[in-house]
Amino acid sequence: MDHDDVLAYCLAKPGAFRDEPWEGDVVAKVGGKIFAFLGSGHAVGLKCGPNREVADEWLHQYPDDAKASPYIGRSGWNVLTIGGAIPDDELREAIDASYDTIVSKLPKKARP
């Protein structure tokens, strides 16, 4: 997968849309909430667990291609390298999990 594939996969989710809340930083949102940060083009920021402990599993499994997200990492967000050691199917599963987590926290009327 490359950046465009990841963005297309994110935007294919029900209710998902592209936004650029900060100049040059593309994100995918659902219900007004971000579920994927795609700014750099070489990585994607995703909610990888409910807390840092769970999200750290990615760091242990892929030490060269996963790192805690700056500022929001303590909340379970990681930055995963696109096109690195993380298999495409696992990257898609991580996107699915991030999307599902964010949707589950939306008010029922805002859910797709």
Protein backbone atom coordinates (compact mmCIF):
# COMPACT_ATOMS: atom_id res chain seq x y z
CA MET A 1 0.00 0.00 0.00
CA ASP A 2 1.06 3.57 -0.56
CA HIS A 3 -0.29 6.87 0.79
CA ASP A 4 -3.02 7.11 -1.86
CA ASP A 5 -4.15 3.53 -1.19
CA VAL A 6 -4.36 4.22 2.54
CA LEU A 7 -6.31 7.43 1.99
CA ALA A 8 -8.70 5.70 -0.42
CA TYR A 9 -9.21 2.84 2.05
CA CYS A 10 -9.99 5.32 4.84
CA LEU A 11 -12.40 7.32 2.71
CA ALA A 12 -14.27 4.16 1.63
CA LYS A 13 -15.50 3.75 5.22
CA PRO A 14 -19.15 4.70 5.82
CA GLY A 15 -19.44 8.41 6.64
CA ALA A 16 -15.71 9.04 6.22
CA PHE A 17 -14.45 12.26 4.68
CA ARG A 18 -11.15 13.99 3.97
CA ASP A 19 -10.20 17.13 5.87
CA GLU A 20 -7.15 19.33 6.25
CA PRO A 21 -7.50 20.99 9.68
CA TRP A 22 -3.86 22.11 9.60
CA GLU A 23 -2.22 23.23 6.37
CA GLY A 24 -0.57 20.24 4.69
CA ASP A 25 -1.92 17.68 7.18
CA VAL A 26 -4.58 15.48 5.62
CA VAL A 27 -6.83 13.53 7.97
CA ALA A 28 -9.74 11.14 7.60
CA LYS A 29 -12.75 11.90 9.80
CA VAL A 30 -16.05 10.31 10.69
CA GLY A 31 -18.76 12.19 12.54
CA GLY A 32 -16.40 15.15 12.81
CA LYS A 33 -13.73 13.13 14.65
CA ILE A 34 -10.34 12.11 13.26
CA PHE A 35 -9.66 8.40 12.91
CA ALA A 36 -6.54 8.61 10.68
CA PHE A 37 -3.77 11.20 10.36
CA LEU A 38 -2.18 11.03 6.89
CA GLY A 39 -0.12 14.23 6.85
CA SER A 40 3.40 13.10 5.96
CA GLY A 41 2.58 10.64 3.21
CA HIS A 42 4.96 8.01 4.61
CA ALA A 43 2.97 7.06 7.69
CA VAL A 44 -0.51 7.00 9.14
CA GLY A 45 -1.53 7.92 12.68
CA LEU A 46 -4.17 5.59 14.10
CA LYS A 47 -5.88 4.84 17.38
CA CYS A 48 -4.21 1.49 18.12
CA GLY A 49 -5.73 0.75 21.49
CA PRO A 50 -7.71 2.19 24.38
CA ASN A 51 -4.50 3.12 26.19
CA ARG A 52 -0.73 3.28 25.82
CA GLU A 53 -0.19 -0.24 27.17
CA VAL A 54 -2.32 -1.88 24.45
CA ALA A 55 -0.95 0.39 21.70
CA ASP A 56 2.62 -0.51 22.73
CA GLU A 57 2.10 -3.99 21.27
CA TRP A 58 2.63 -2.39 17.82
CA LEU A 59 5.92 -0.87 18.99
CA HIS A 60 7.17 -4.23 20.22
CA GLN A 61 6.10 -6.08 17.08
CA TYR A 62 7.35 -3.45 14.59
CA PRO A 63 10.04 -1.42 16.39
CA ASP A 64 11.31 0.22 13.18
CA ASP A 65 7.88 1.00 11.70
CA ALA A 66 5.66 1.94 14.66
CA LYS A 67 6.05 4.70 17.23
CA ALA A 68 3.84 6.49 19.72
CA SER A 69 2.15 9.55 18.25
CA PRO A 70 3.48 12.86 19.48
CA TYR A 71 1.15 14.59 21.96
CA ILE A 72 -1.67 12.02 21.76
CA GLY A 73 0.35 8.81 22.09
CA ARG A 74 -0.55 8.43 25.74
CA SER A 75 -4.15 7.92 24.60
CA GLY A 76 -3.28 4.89 22.45
CA TRP A 77 -2.40 6.62 19.14
CA ASN A 78 0.53 5.33 17.08
CA VAL A 79 2.22 6.36 13.86
CA LEU A 80 2.59 3.35 11.53
CA THR A 81 4.91 3.44 8.50
CA ILE A 82 3.26 2.89 5.13
CA GLY A 83 5.16 0.48 2.86
CA GLY A 84 7.46 -0.75 5.60
CA ALA A 85 7.56 -4.02 7.52
CA ILE A 86 3.90 -3.85 8.54
CA PRO A 87 1.93 -6.07 6.13
CA ASP A 88 -0.83 -4.36 4.17
CA ASP A 89 -3.54 -6.55 5.71
CA GLU A 90 -2.42 -5.59 9.23
CA LEU A 91 -2.38 -1.94 8.24
CA ARG A 92 -5.94 -2.27 6.93
CA GLU A 93 -6.96 -4.02 10.18
CA ALA A 94 -5.43 -1.15 12.18
CA ILE A 95 -7.38 1.38 10.10
CA ASP A 96 -10.57 -0.65 10.64
CA ALA A 97 -9.96 -0.78 14.40
CA SER A 98 -9.24 2.96 14.61
CA TYR A 99 -12.39 3.76 12.63
CA ASP A 100 -14.51 1.38 14.73
CA THR A 101 -13.16 2.83 17.99
CA ILE A 102 -13.93 6.40 16.95
CA VAL A 103 -17.40 5.51 15.63
CA SER A 104 -18.22 3.69 18.89
CA LYS A 105 -17.53 6.88 20.85
CA LEU A 106 -19.74 9.07 18.65
CA PRO A 107 -23.24 9.97 19.81
CA LYS A 108 -25.70 7.54 18.22
CA LYS A 109 -27.21 10.25 16.00
CA ALA A 110 -23.75 11.07 14.58
CA ARG A 111 -22.86 7.45 13.71
CA PRO A 112 -22.93 6.41 10.06
